[in-house]
Amino acid sequence: METNRRTFLKSTAGLLALSGWTAAARDHFFSISTSDINYQQQPLPYMYAALEPVIDAMTMEIHYTKHAAGYTKNLQDACVAEKVDKVNTSLTALLAQISNYSEKMRNNAGGHYNHELFWQTLHAPKDAASNKPLGALAAAIDKKFGSFSAFKEQFTEVAKSRFGSGWAWLLVGQEGLLQLGSTPNQDNPLMNTSPLKGVPLLGLDVWEHAYYLRYQNRRADYISSWWQVINWPVVEQRFLQHMS
């Protein structure tokens, strides 16, 4: 078993190198725990152009280096101002008690967490018909929604229907069942202020800055294309970590 694991890691590292990943991003890929998003912005695990044509390189660069980096910086500032012990308080624990903090903390802690999850759950485009979950997550989706196709339709409607800026989510709800929903602005289901509560598995950023350069006001086209770039193995890993 250990030999097989070493072979897998060696071959995967080679594929990542060929695909243009930086050394820092490759190290991050092998060390990351998808359930442990911390206070730091992590290296983007692909080149800015890797998601084209679904997400163009300029949008990725601006989104990551400006919008997301801004949330991370403002989160650090808020933690200093509000005396958060980041060593002994995880980011998820902070979100779970976000009502105890300022609006600045809420907006930027949410914005940082949401974007870190978003980057993890994207990869180079694949054919939308074949890019789907397998294993336990696929079975859970079929059980809850009837089929993957029905799930896609329902998720798409949730994302299209979010008025203004916000996020659409697939999450494990409080009763341990898969659930769909959306949150405004940079809120997420981990927050004790959110009516939608649970553990996020997959989130879609429907702020206009995530898609406007390529899709302008056509949010529906952005959502339809996004299904090609979902990294389902990462989403399933999050699901298994939560259910174990």
C-alpha atoms as a PDB file:
ATOM      1  CA  MET A   1       0.000   0.000   0.000  1.00  0.00           C
ATOM      2  CA  GLU A   2       2.800   2.447   0.910  1.00  0.00           C
ATOM      3  CA  THR A   3       4.584   1.650  -2.368  1.00  0.00           C
ATOM      4  CA  ASN A   4       1.411   2.423  -4.298  1.00  0.00           C
ATOM      5  CA  ARG A   5       1.037   5.702  -2.419  1.00  0.00           C
ATOM      6  CA  ARG A   6       4.613   6.725  -3.218  1.00  0.00           C
ATOM      7  CA  THR A   7       4.083   5.845  -6.872  1.00  0.00           C
ATOM      8  CA  PHE A   8       0.894   7.929  -6.947  1.00  0.00           C
ATOM      9  CA  LEU A   9       2.581  10.948  -5.364  1.00  0.00           C
ATOM     10  CA  LYS A  10       5.575  10.714  -7.686  1.00  0.00           C
ATOM     11  CA  SER A  11       3.444  10.450 -10.833  1.00  0.00           C
ATOM     12  CA  THR A  12       1.076  13.182  -9.673  1.00  0.00           C
ATOM     13  CA  ALA A  13       3.968  15.525  -8.900  1.00  0.00           C
ATOM     14  CA  GLY A  14       5.212  15.021 -12.446  1.00  0.00           C
ATOM     15  CA  LEU A  15       1.827  15.846 -13.897  1.00  0.00           C
ATOM     16  CA  LEU A  16       1.582  18.974 -11.780  1.00  0.00           C
ATOM     17  CA  ALA A  17       5.032  20.092 -12.919  1.00  0.00           C
ATOM     18  CA  LEU A  18       4.096  19.567 -16.560  1.00  0.00           C
ATOM     19  CA  SER A  19       0.874  21.530 -16.093  1.00  0.00           C
ATOM     20  CA  GLY A  20       2.808  24.620 -15.034  1.00  0.00           C
ATOM     21  CA  TRP A  21       2.230  24.606 -11.275  1.00  0.00           C
ATOM     22  CA  THR A  22       4.770  26.488  -9.201  1.00  0.00           C
ATOM     23  CA  ALA A  23       6.839  24.614  -6.609  1.00  0.00           C
ATOM     24  CA  ALA A  24       4.958  26.428  -3.829  1.00  0.00           C
ATOM     25  CA  ALA A  25       1.616  25.420  -5.313  1.00  0.00           C
ATOM     26  CA  ARG A  26       2.727  21.772  -5.643  1.00  0.00           C
ATOM     27  CA  ASP A  27       3.860  21.730  -2.007  1.00  0.00           C
ATOM     28  CA  HIS A  28       0.551  23.264  -1.005  1.00  0.00           C
ATOM     29  CA  PHE A  29      -1.387  20.617  -2.974  1.00  0.00           C
ATOM     30  CA  PHE A  30       0.234  17.771  -1.037  1.00  0.00           C
ATOM     31  CA  SER A  31       0.036  19.409   2.403  1.00  0.00           C
ATOM     32  CA  ILE A  32      -3.407  20.972   2.365  1.00  0.00           C
ATOM     33  CA  SER A  33      -6.247  19.722   4.512  1.00  0.00           C
ATOM     34  CA  THR A  34      -9.389  20.890   2.781  1.00  0.00           C
ATOM     35  CA  SER A  35     -11.186  21.216   6.108  1.00  0.00           C
ATOM     36  CA  ASP A  36      -8.466  23.465   7.555  1.00  0.00           C
ATOM     37  CA  ILE A  37      -8.536  26.874   5.885  1.00  0.00           C
ATOM     38  CA  ASN A  38      -6.393  29.182   7.998  1.00  0.00           C
ATOM     39  CA  TYR A  39      -5.840  32.938   8.188  1.00  0.00           C
ATOM     40  CA  GLN A  40      -3.276  33.125   5.362  1.00  0.00           C
ATOM     41  CA  GLN A  41      -3.834  33.368   1.635  1.00  0.00           C
ATOM     42  CA  GLN A  42      -2.400  30.196   0.100  1.00  0.00           C
ATOM     43  CA  PRO A  43      -0.632  29.969  -3.276  1.00  0.00           C
ATOM     44  CA  LEU A  44      -3.066  29.670  -6.140  1.00  0.00           C
ATOM     45  CA  PRO A  45      -2.783  25.992  -7.173  1.00  0.00           C
ATOM     46  CA  TYR A  46      -2.711  26.710 -10.933  1.00  0.00           C
ATOM     47  CA  MET A  47      -1.620  29.413 -13.357  1.00  0.00           C
ATOM     48  CA  TYR A  48      -3.953  32.344 -13.957  1.00  0.00           C
ATOM     49  CA  ALA A  49      -4.732  31.088 -17.474  1.00  0.00           C
ATOM     50  CA  ALA A  50      -5.328  27.482 -16.414  1.00  0.00           C
ATOM     51  CA  LEU A  51      -9.121  27.811 -16.301  1.00  0.00           C
ATOM     52  CA  GLU A  52      -9.545  29.427 -19.703  1.00  0.00           C
ATOM     53  CA  PRO A  53     -11.839  29.763 -21.530  1.00  0.00           C
ATOM     54  CA  VAL A  54     -14.233  29.335 -18.605  1.00  0.00           C
ATOM     55  CA  ILE A  55     -12.456  31.928 -16.455  1.00  0.00           C
ATOM     56  CA  ASP A  56     -10.004  34.202 -18.245  1.00  0.00           C
ATOM     57  CA  ALA A  57      -6.502  34.887 -16.975  1.00  0.00           C
ATOM     58  CA  MET A  58      -7.063  38.580 -16.275  1.00  0.00           C
ATOM     59  CA  THR A  59     -10.145  37.874 -14.174  1.00  0.00           C
ATOM     60  CA  MET A  60      -8.266  35.201 -12.214  1.00  0.00           C
ATOM     61  CA  GLU A  61      -5.301  37.484 -11.583  1.00  0.00           C
ATOM     62  CA  ILE A  62      -7.417  40.438 -10.453  1.00  0.00           C
ATOM     63  CA  HIS A  63      -9.720  38.228  -8.414  1.00  0.00           C
ATOM     64  CA  TYR A  64      -6.852  36.513  -6.582  1.00  0.00           C
ATOM     65  CA  THR A  65      -4.319  39.336  -6.199  1.00  0.00           C
ATOM     66  CA  LYS A  66      -6.729  42.216  -5.581  1.00  0.00           C
ATOM     67  CA  HIS A  67     -10.124  41.117  -4.280  1.00  0.00           C
ATOM     68  CA  ALA A  68      -9.134  38.001  -2.340  1.00  0.00           C
ATOM     69  CA  ALA A  69      -5.803  39.403  -1.169  1.00  0.00           C
ATOM     70  CA  GLY A  70      -7.648  42.453   0.086  1.00  0.00           C
ATOM     71  CA  TYR A  71      -9.942  40.321   2.233  1.00  0.00           C
ATOM     72  CA  THR A  72      -6.923  38.534   3.701  1.00  0.00           C
ATOM     73  CA  LYS A  73      -5.116  41.769   4.537  1.00  0.00           C
ATOM     74  CA  ASN A  74      -8.213  43.327   6.090  1.00  0.00           C
ATOM     75  CA  LEU A  75      -8.800  40.151   8.084  1.00  0.00           C
ATOM     76  CA  GLN A  76      -5.288  40.398   9.538  1.00  0.00           C
ATOM     77  CA  ASP A  77      -5.906  44.043  10.457  1.00  0.00           C
ATOM     78  CA  ALA A  78      -9.221  43.202  12.100  1.00  0.00           C
ATOM     79  CA  CYS A  79      -7.629  40.383  14.101  1.00  0.00           C
ATOM     80  CA  VAL A  80      -5.022  42.781  15.462  1.00  0.00           C
ATOM     81  CA  ALA A  81      -7.583  45.465  16.277  1.00  0.00           C
ATOM     82  CA  GLU A  82      -9.970  43.003  17.941  1.00  0.00           C
ATOM     83  CA  LYS A  83      -7.248  40.986  19.676  1.00  0.00           C
ATOM     84  CA  VAL A  84      -8.000  37.604  18.107  1.00  0.00           C
ATOM     85  CA  ASP A  85      -5.673  34.830  19.287  1.00  0.00           C
ATOM     86  CA  LYS A  86      -5.089  33.217  15.897  1.00  0.00           C
ATOM     87  CA  VAL A  87      -2.892  30.496  17.391  1.00  0.00           C
ATOM     88  CA  ASN A  88      -5.668  29.134  19.572  1.00  0.00           C
ATOM     89  CA  THR A  89      -8.715  30.238  17.571  1.00  0.00           C
ATOM     90  CA  SER A  90      -9.224  28.550  14.218  1.00  0.00           C
ATOM     91  CA  LEU A  91     -10.807  30.502  11.401  1.00  0.00           C
ATOM     92  CA  THR A  92     -13.856  28.219  11.482  1.00  0.00           C
ATOM     93  CA  ALA A  93     -14.206  28.816  15.226  1.00  0.00           C
ATOM     94  CA  LEU A  94     -14.041  32.563  14.640  1.00  0.00           C
ATOM     95  CA  LEU A  95     -16.745  32.316  11.963  1.00  0.00           C
ATOM     96  CA  ALA A  96     -18.912  30.268  14.333  1.00  0.00           C
ATOM     97  CA  GLN A  97     -18.916  33.196  16.769  1.00  0.00           C
ATOM     98  CA  ILE A  98     -18.751  36.029  14.248  1.00  0.00           C
ATOM     99  CA  SER A  99     -21.588  37.901  15.965  1.00  0.00           C
ATOM    100  CA  ASN A 100     -19.082  38.796  18.701  1.00  0.00           C
ATOM    101  CA  TYR A 101     -16.979  40.787  16.245  1.00  0.00           C
ATOM    102  CA  SER A 102     -17.243  43.846  14.031  1.00  0.00           C
ATOM    103  CA  GLU A 103     -18.792  44.129  10.583  1.00  0.00           C
ATOM    104  CA  LYS A 104     -15.258  44.497   9.209  1.00  0.00           C
ATOM    105  CA  MET A 105     -14.326  41.139  10.723  1.00  0.00           C
ATOM    106  CA  ARG A 106     -17.476  39.485   9.393  1.00  0.00           C
ATOM    107  CA  ASN A 107     -16.999  40.765   5.840  1.00  0.00           C
ATOM    108  CA  ASN A 108     -13.298  39.985   5.607  1.00  0.00           C
ATOM    109  CA  ALA A 109     -13.196  36.688   7.518  1.00  0.00           C
ATOM    110  CA  GLY A 110     -16.012  35.480   5.288  1.00  0.00           C
ATOM    111  CA  GLY A 111     -14.414  36.859   2.150  1.00  0.00           C
ATOM    112  CA  HIS A 112     -11.087  35.215   2.951  1.00  0.00           C
ATOM    113  CA  TYR A 113     -12.588  31.813   3.822  1.00  0.00           C
ATOM    114  CA  ASN A 114     -14.963  31.793   0.859  1.00  0.00           C
ATOM    115  CA  HIS A 115     -12.240  32.550  -1.658  1.00  0.00           C
ATOM    116  CA  GLU A 116      -9.777  30.032  -0.211  1.00  0.00           C
ATOM    117  CA  LEU A 117     -12.448  27.360  -0.605  1.00  0.00           C
ATOM    118  CA  PHE A 118     -13.296  28.610  -4.096  1.00  0.00           C
ATOM    119  CA  TRP A 119      -9.702  28.263  -5.351  1.00  0.00           C
ATOM    120  CA  GLN A 120      -9.445  24.721  -3.965  1.00  0.00           C
ATOM    121  CA  THR A 121     -12.563  23.557  -5.768  1.00  0.00           C
ATOM    122  CA  LEU A 122     -11.504  24.655  -9.264  1.00  0.00           C
ATOM    123  CA  HIS A 123      -9.300  22.956 -11.840  1.00  0.00           C
ATOM    124  CA  ALA A 124      -8.579  23.043 -15.581  1.00  0.00           C
ATOM    125  CA  PRO A 125     -11.705  22.704 -17.732  1.00  0.00           C
ATOM    126  CA  LYS A 126     -13.107  19.296 -18.499  1.00  0.00           C
ATOM    127  CA  ASP A 127     -16.071  18.281 -20.579  1.00  0.00           C
ATOM    128  CA  ALA A 128     -19.102  19.265 -18.522  1.00  0.00           C
ATOM    129  CA  ALA A 129     -20.843  15.960 -19.265  1.00  0.00           C
ATOM    130  CA  SER A 130     -17.989  13.922 -17.782  1.00  0.00           C
ATOM    131  CA  ASN A 131     -16.959  16.306 -15.012  1.00  0.00           C
ATOM    132  CA  LYS A 132     -19.050  14.950 -12.180  1.00  0.00           C
ATOM    133  CA  PRO A 133     -18.554  13.493  -8.704  1.00  0.00           C
ATOM    134  CA  LEU A 134     -17.907   9.813  -8.077  1.00  0.00           C
ATOM    135  CA  GLY A 135     -18.111   7.534  -5.075  1.00  0.00           C
ATOM    136  CA  ALA A 136     -19.786   8.484  -1.813  1.00  0.00           C
ATOM    137  CA  LEU A 137     -20.512  12.077  -2.794  1.00  0.00           C
ATOM    138  CA  ALA A 138     -22.182  11.018  -6.045  1.00  0.00           C
ATOM    139  CA  ALA A 139     -24.325   8.540  -4.137  1.00  0.00           C
ATOM    140  CA  ALA A 140     -25.295  11.194  -1.594  1.00  0.00           C
ATOM    141  CA  ILE A 141     -26.230  13.646  -4.373  1.00  0.00           C
ATOM    142  CA  ASP A 142     -28.373  11.015  -6.097  1.00  0.00           C
ATOM    143  CA  LYS A 143     -30.076  10.154  -2.816  1.00  0.00           C
ATOM    144  CA  LYS A 144     -30.848  13.775  -1.932  1.00  0.00           C
ATOM    145  CA  PHE A 145     -31.636  15.291  -5.325  1.00  0.00           C
ATOM    146  CA  GLY A 146     -32.629  12.268  -7.415  1.00  0.00           C
ATOM    147  CA  SER A 147     -29.816  12.595  -9.946  1.00  0.00           C
ATOM    148  CA  PHE A 148     -26.742  14.676 -10.717  1.00  0.00           C
ATOM    149  CA  SER A 149     -28.697  16.392 -13.481  1.00  0.00           C
ATOM    150  CA  ALA A 150     -31.424  17.407 -11.041  1.00  0.00           C
ATOM    151  CA  PHE A 151     -28.793  18.641  -8.602  1.00  0.00           C
ATOM    152  CA  LYS A 152     -27.197  20.803 -11.313  1.00  0.00           C
ATOM    153  CA  GLU A 153     -30.556  22.328 -12.193  1.00  0.00           C
ATOM    154  CA  GLN A 154     -31.361  23.141  -8.572  1.00  0.00           C
ATOM    155  CA  PHE A 155     -27.910  24.541  -7.805  1.00  0.00           C
ATOM    156  CA  THR A 156     -28.018  26.656 -10.970  1.00  0.00           C
ATOM    157  CA  GLU A 157     -31.361  28.113  -9.941  1.00  0.00           C
ATOM    158  CA  VAL A 158     -30.034  28.944  -6.454  1.00  0.00           C
ATOM    159  CA  ALA A 159     -27.032  30.723  -7.979  1.00  0.00           C
ATOM    160  CA  LYS A 160     -29.103  32.611 -10.553  1.00  0.00           C
ATOM    161  CA  SER A 161     -31.635  33.663  -7.924  1.00  0.00           C
ATOM    162  CA  ARG A 162     -29.170  35.197  -5.444  1.00  0.00           C
ATOM    163  CA  PHE A 163     -30.069  38.875  -5.680  1.00  0.00           C
ATOM    164  CA  GLY A 164     -27.047  41.137  -5.890  1.00  0.00           C
ATOM    165  CA  SER A 165     -23.677  39.875  -4.671  1.00  0.00           C
ATOM    166  CA  GLY A 166     -23.140  36.645  -2.774  1.00  0.00           C
ATOM    167  CA  TRP A 167     -22.467  32.925  -2.931  1.00  0.00           C
ATOM    168  CA  ALA A 168     -24.317  29.726  -3.819  1.00  0.00           C
ATOM    169  CA  TRP A 169     -23.494  26.652  -1.732  1.00  0.00           C
ATOM    170  CA  LEU A 170     -23.617  22.885  -1.574  1.00  0.00           C
ATOM    171  CA  LEU A 171     -23.261  22.056   2.099  1.00  0.00           C
ATOM    172  CA  VAL A 172     -23.786  19.399   4.718  1.00  0.00           C
ATOM    173  CA  GLY A 173     -26.633  20.785   6.797  1.00  0.00           C
ATOM    174  CA  GLN A 174     -27.175  20.556  10.520  1.00  0.00           C
ATOM    175  CA  GLU A 175     -28.912  17.179  10.221  1.00  0.00           C
ATOM    176  CA  GLY A 176     -26.033  15.693   8.247  1.00  0.00           C
ATOM    177  CA  LEU A 177     -27.850  15.895   4.907  1.00  0.00           C
ATOM    178  CA  LEU A 178     -26.786  17.626   1.718  1.00  0.00           C
ATOM    179  CA  GLN A 179     -28.426  20.997   1.227  1.00  0.00           C
ATOM    180  CA  LEU A 180     -28.406  23.882  -1.236  1.00  0.00           C
ATOM    181  CA  GLY A 181     -28.645  27.554  -0.404  1.00  0.00           C
ATOM    182  CA  SER A 182     -27.109  30.975  -0.850  1.00  0.00           C
ATOM    183  CA  THR A 183     -25.765  33.762   1.317  1.00  0.00           C
ATOM    184  CA  PRO A 184     -25.410  37.497   0.656  1.00  0.00           C
ATOM    185  CA  ASN A 185     -22.153  39.399   0.337  1.00  0.00           C
ATOM    186  CA  GLN A 186     -19.315  37.387   1.975  1.00  0.00           C
ATOM    187  CA  ASP A 187     -21.431  35.490   4.510  1.00  0.00           C
ATOM    188  CA  ASN A 188     -21.215  31.709   4.604  1.00  0.00           C
ATOM    189  CA  PRO A 189     -22.977  28.791   6.336  1.00  0.00           C
ATOM    190  CA  LEU A 190     -20.335  28.550   9.087  1.00  0.00           C
ATOM    191  CA  MET A 191     -21.384  31.892  10.551  1.00  0.00           C
ATOM    192  CA  ASN A 192     -23.694  31.979  13.537  1.00  0.00           C
ATOM    193  CA  THR A 193     -25.354  35.023  11.942  1.00  0.00           C
ATOM    194  CA  SER A 194     -26.365  33.082   8.815  1.00  0.00           C
ATOM    195  CA  PRO A 195     -29.849  31.553   8.496  1.00  0.00           C
ATOM    196  CA  LEU A 196     -28.207  28.926   6.254  1.00  0.00           C
ATOM    197  CA  LYS A 197     -26.044  26.764   8.505  1.00  0.00           C
ATOM    198  CA  GLY A 198     -23.764  23.825   7.836  1.00  0.00           C
ATOM    199  CA  VAL A 199     -20.373  22.833   6.442  1.00  0.00           C
ATOM    200  CA  PRO A 200     -19.663  24.186   2.927  1.00  0.00           C
ATOM    201  CA  LEU A 201     -18.503  21.609   0.406  1.00  0.00           C
ATOM    202  CA  LEU A 202     -18.692  23.709  -2.735  1.00  0.00           C
ATOM    203  CA  GLY A 203     -19.247  27.425  -3.204  1.00  0.00           C
ATOM    204  CA  LEU A 204     -19.816  29.522  -6.311  1.00  0.00           C
ATOM    205  CA  ASP A 205     -18.851  33.191  -6.201  1.00  0.00           C
ATOM    206  CA  VAL A 206     -21.603  35.178  -7.938  1.00  0.00           C
ATOM    207  CA  TRP A 207     -20.156  38.610  -7.232  1.00  0.00           C
ATOM    208  CA  GLU A 208     -19.797  40.394 -10.567  1.00  0.00           C
ATOM    209  CA  HIS A 209     -16.023  40.736 -10.094  1.00  0.00           C
ATOM    210  CA  ALA A 210     -15.792  36.944 -10.491  1.00  0.00           C
ATOM    211  CA  TYR A 211     -17.088  36.964 -14.054  1.00  0.00           C
ATOM    212  CA  TYR A 212     -17.780  40.428 -15.448  1.00  0.00           C
ATOM    213  CA  LEU A 213     -14.747  40.799 -17.747  1.00  0.00           C
ATOM    214  CA  ARG A 214     -15.753  37.744 -19.771  1.00  0.00           C
ATOM    215  CA  TYR A 215     -19.488  37.404 -19.231  1.00  0.00           C
ATOM    216  CA  GLN A 216     -20.525  41.022 -18.509  1.00  0.00           C
ATOM    217  CA  ASN A 217     -24.035  40.793 -17.013  1.00  0.00           C
ATOM    218  CA  ARG A 218     -24.629  37.199 -18.187  1.00  0.00           C
ATOM    219  CA  ARG A 219     -24.467  35.436 -14.834  1.00  0.00           C
ATOM    220  CA  ALA A 220     -26.360  32.439 -16.229  1.00  0.00           C
ATOM    221  CA  ASP A 221     -23.628  31.849 -18.851  1.00  0.00           C
ATOM    222  CA  TYR A 222     -20.930  32.038 -16.158  1.00  0.00           C
ATOM    223  CA  ILE A 223     -22.770  29.492 -14.019  1.00  0.00           C
ATOM    224  CA  SER A 224     -23.288  27.166 -16.969  1.00  0.00           C
ATOM    225  CA  SER A 225     -19.570  27.270 -17.850  1.00  0.00           C
ATOM    226  CA  TRP A 226     -18.439  26.845 -14.232  1.00  0.00           C
ATOM    227  CA  TRP A 227     -19.545  23.191 -14.170  1.00  0.00           C
ATOM    228  CA  GLN A 228     -16.548  22.405 -16.407  1.00  0.00           C
ATOM    229  CA  VAL A 229     -14.001  23.567 -13.820  1.00  0.00           C
ATOM    230  CA  ILE A 230     -15.309  22.066 -10.567  1.00  0.00           C
ATOM    231  CA  ASN A 231     -12.642  19.944  -8.871  1.00  0.00           C
ATOM    232  CA  TRP A 232     -14.938  17.153  -7.696  1.00  0.00           C
ATOM    233  CA  PRO A 233     -12.202  15.081  -5.962  1.00  0.00           C
ATOM    234  CA  VAL A 234     -11.580  18.024  -3.610  1.00  0.00           C
ATOM    235  CA  VAL A 235     -15.309  18.443  -2.982  1.00  0.00           C
ATOM    236  CA  GLU A 236     -15.616  14.737  -2.205  1.00  0.00           C
ATOM    237  CA  GLN A 237     -12.599  14.934   0.111  1.00  0.00           C
ATOM    238  CA  ARG A 238     -14.359  17.663   2.064  1.00  0.00           C
ATOM    239  CA  PHE A 239     -17.502  15.521   2.184  1.00  0.00           C
ATOM    240  CA  LEU A 240     -15.639  12.457   3.449  1.00  0.00           C
ATOM    241  CA  GLN A 241     -13.720  14.462   6.034  1.00  0.00           C
ATOM    242  CA  HIS A 242     -16.955  15.805   7.441  1.00  0.00           C
ATOM    243  CA  MET A 243     -18.815  12.492   7.393  1.00  0.00           C
ATOM    244  CA  SER A 244     -15.985  10.412   8.909  1.00  0.00           C
END
